Amino acid sequence: MQKQFDNLSITRETTGKLPRLPFLHIKNEILGKNYELSLVFIGRTKAVQMHKDWKSKNDPVNILSFPLSKHEGEIFISLEKARSECKNFDRSYENYLAFLFIHGCVHLKGYAHGSKMESLEKKYRTQFGV
């Protein structure tokens, strides 16, 4: 299943229903309206393979983001991993999924893990109630 919005495509490679979250609004606030983003929700097999390929780890990845150019990127999120991890952070599934998406967008904005990234994420989490 694929949905196309202005400068955002959402692809679901899994079964089930996606939570209704303001992905386009979040993307536009963090990356801008002209940023082309592909958001792909992946299944367990692909999540394990991508984690192995990109991080040399043997478990499913929760999120990976890839900048393709200054104004284009992709984010891959494992719904299964998000569903299992949300309890560890005392968050609902929908809230954690929004948190992961914000995290990926901030990476695409050029930030690496650290205090500056955490501060920016906190700003967007507050803005979107996450």
Protein backbone atom coordinates (compact mmCIF):
# COMPACT_ATOMS: atom_id res chain seq x y z
CA MET A 1 0.00 0.00 0.00
CA GLN A 2 1.31 3.45 -0.85
CA LYS A 3 -0.04 6.92 -0.14
CA GLN A 4 1.29 10.03 -1.80
CA PHE A 5 1.14 13.49 -0.27
CA ASP A 6 2.94 16.70 -1.18
CA ASN A 7 6.62 15.72 -0.98
CA LEU A 8 5.87 12.69 1.21
CA SER A 9 5.24 9.13 0.13
CA ILE A 10 4.22 6.53 2.70
CA THR A 11 4.61 2.86 1.85
CA ARG A 12 3.41 0.02 4.07
CA GLU A 13 5.13 -3.30 3.35
CA THR A 14 3.32 -4.93 6.27
CA THR A 15 -0.22 -6.00 7.01
CA GLY A 16 -2.50 -4.15 9.36
CA LYS A 17 -3.59 -0.60 9.73
CA LEU A 18 -1.26 2.35 10.24
CA PRO A 19 -1.96 4.69 13.11
CA ARG A 20 -3.32 8.08 12.05
CA LEU A 21 -0.45 10.42 12.80
CA PRO A 22 0.36 13.82 11.28
CA PHE A 23 3.38 12.53 9.33
CA LEU A 24 3.15 15.25 6.67
CA HIS A 25 2.83 18.05 9.22
CA ILE A 26 5.76 16.72 11.28
CA LYS A 27 7.89 16.33 8.14
CA ASN A 28 7.08 19.85 6.96
CA GLU A 29 7.88 21.40 10.36
CA ILE A 30 11.24 19.65 10.71
CA LEU A 31 12.50 19.30 7.14
CA GLY A 32 10.44 21.87 5.25
CA LYS A 33 7.72 21.66 2.63
CA ASN A 34 10.17 21.21 -0.26
CA TYR A 35 11.94 18.22 1.28
CA GLU A 36 11.08 14.97 -0.56
CA LEU A 37 10.65 12.17 1.96
CA SER A 38 9.90 8.50 1.50
CA LEU A 39 8.56 6.82 4.66
CA VAL A 40 8.50 3.02 4.51
CA PHE A 41 7.00 0.75 7.16
CA ILE A 42 8.86 -2.55 6.97
CA GLY A 43 8.29 -6.06 8.25
CA ARG A 44 10.50 -8.11 10.54
CA THR A 45 12.55 -9.83 7.82
CA LYS A 46 13.55 -6.55 6.19
CA ALA A 47 14.12 -4.91 9.59
CA VAL A 48 16.59 -7.65 10.55
CA GLN A 49 18.34 -7.53 7.16
CA MET A 50 18.67 -3.73 7.18
CA HIS A 51 20.04 -3.74 10.73
CA LYS A 52 22.57 -6.39 9.71
CA ASP A 53 23.54 -4.54 6.51
CA TRP A 54 23.83 -1.04 7.99
CA LYS A 55 24.71 -1.54 11.67
CA SER A 56 26.11 -5.12 11.74
CA LYS A 57 23.49 -6.12 14.32
CA ASN A 58 21.39 -9.30 14.24
CA ASP A 59 18.07 -8.03 15.60
CA PRO A 60 15.36 -5.97 13.90
CA VAL A 61 16.04 -2.25 13.59
CA ASN A 62 13.38 0.14 14.89
CA ILE A 63 14.25 3.03 12.54
CA LEU A 64 16.83 3.92 9.93
CA SER A 65 17.04 7.20 8.07
CA PHE A 66 19.03 7.86 4.92
CA PRO A 67 19.73 11.29 3.46
CA LEU A 68 19.79 10.99 -0.34
CA SER A 69 20.56 14.64 -1.02
CA LYS A 70 20.19 17.99 0.71
CA HIS A 71 16.44 17.98 0.01
CA GLU A 72 15.60 14.28 -0.20
CA GLY A 73 15.71 11.29 2.12
CA GLU A 74 14.08 8.08 3.30
CA ILE A 75 13.03 6.68 6.64
CA PHE A 76 12.36 3.00 7.36
CA ILE A 77 10.41 2.05 10.50
CA SER A 78 9.61 -1.42 11.79
CA LEU A 79 6.07 -1.36 13.17
CA GLU A 80 6.62 -4.66 14.97
CA LYS A 81 9.75 -3.35 16.72
CA ALA A 82 7.99 -0.07 17.60
CA ARG A 83 5.07 -2.00 19.06
CA SER A 84 7.37 -4.15 21.23
CA GLU A 85 9.64 -1.27 22.35
CA CYS A 86 6.99 1.30 23.27
CA LYS A 87 6.36 -0.39 26.64
CA ASN A 88 10.03 0.02 27.56
CA PHE A 89 9.64 3.80 27.29
CA ASP A 90 6.23 3.97 28.97
CA ARG A 91 4.66 5.27 25.74
CA SER A 92 1.65 4.22 23.73
CA TYR A 93 2.35 2.61 20.36
CA GLU A 94 1.14 5.69 18.46
CA ASN A 95 3.15 8.05 20.65
CA TYR A 96 6.31 5.99 20.23
CA LEU A 97 5.82 5.76 16.47
CA ALA A 98 5.57 9.57 16.30
CA PHE A 99 8.69 9.80 18.50
CA LEU A 100 10.61 7.53 16.11
CA PHE A 101 9.47 9.53 13.10
CA ILE A 102 10.59 12.80 14.72
CA HIS A 103 13.92 11.15 15.56
CA GLY A 104 14.42 10.09 11.94
CA CYS A 105 13.50 13.53 10.59
CA VAL A 106 15.96 15.22 12.94
CA HIS A 107 18.70 12.87 11.70
CA LEU A 108 17.81 13.84 8.13
CA LYS A 109 18.11 17.48 9.15
CA GLY A 110 21.79 16.69 9.78
CA TYR A 111 21.95 16.01 13.51
CA ALA A 112 23.82 13.12 15.13
CA HIS A 113 23.03 11.68 18.56
CA GLY A 114 23.93 14.13 21.30
CA SER A 115 22.61 17.01 23.37
CA LYS A 116 21.83 19.29 20.39
CA MET A 117 19.78 16.56 18.73
CA GLU A 118 17.98 15.72 21.98
CA SER A 119 17.12 19.39 22.52
CA LEU A 120 15.68 19.73 19.02
CA GLU A 121 13.73 16.48 19.39
CA LYS A 122 12.30 17.69 22.68
CA LYS A 123 11.11 20.89 20.99
CA TYR A 124 9.27 18.91 18.29
CA ARG A 125 7.94 16.31 20.75
CA THR A 126 6.46 19.15 22.80
CA GLN A 127 5.04 20.82 19.70
CA PHE A 128 3.32 17.59 18.59
CA GLY A 129 2.41 16.27 22.05
CA VAL A 130 4.72 13.28 21.82
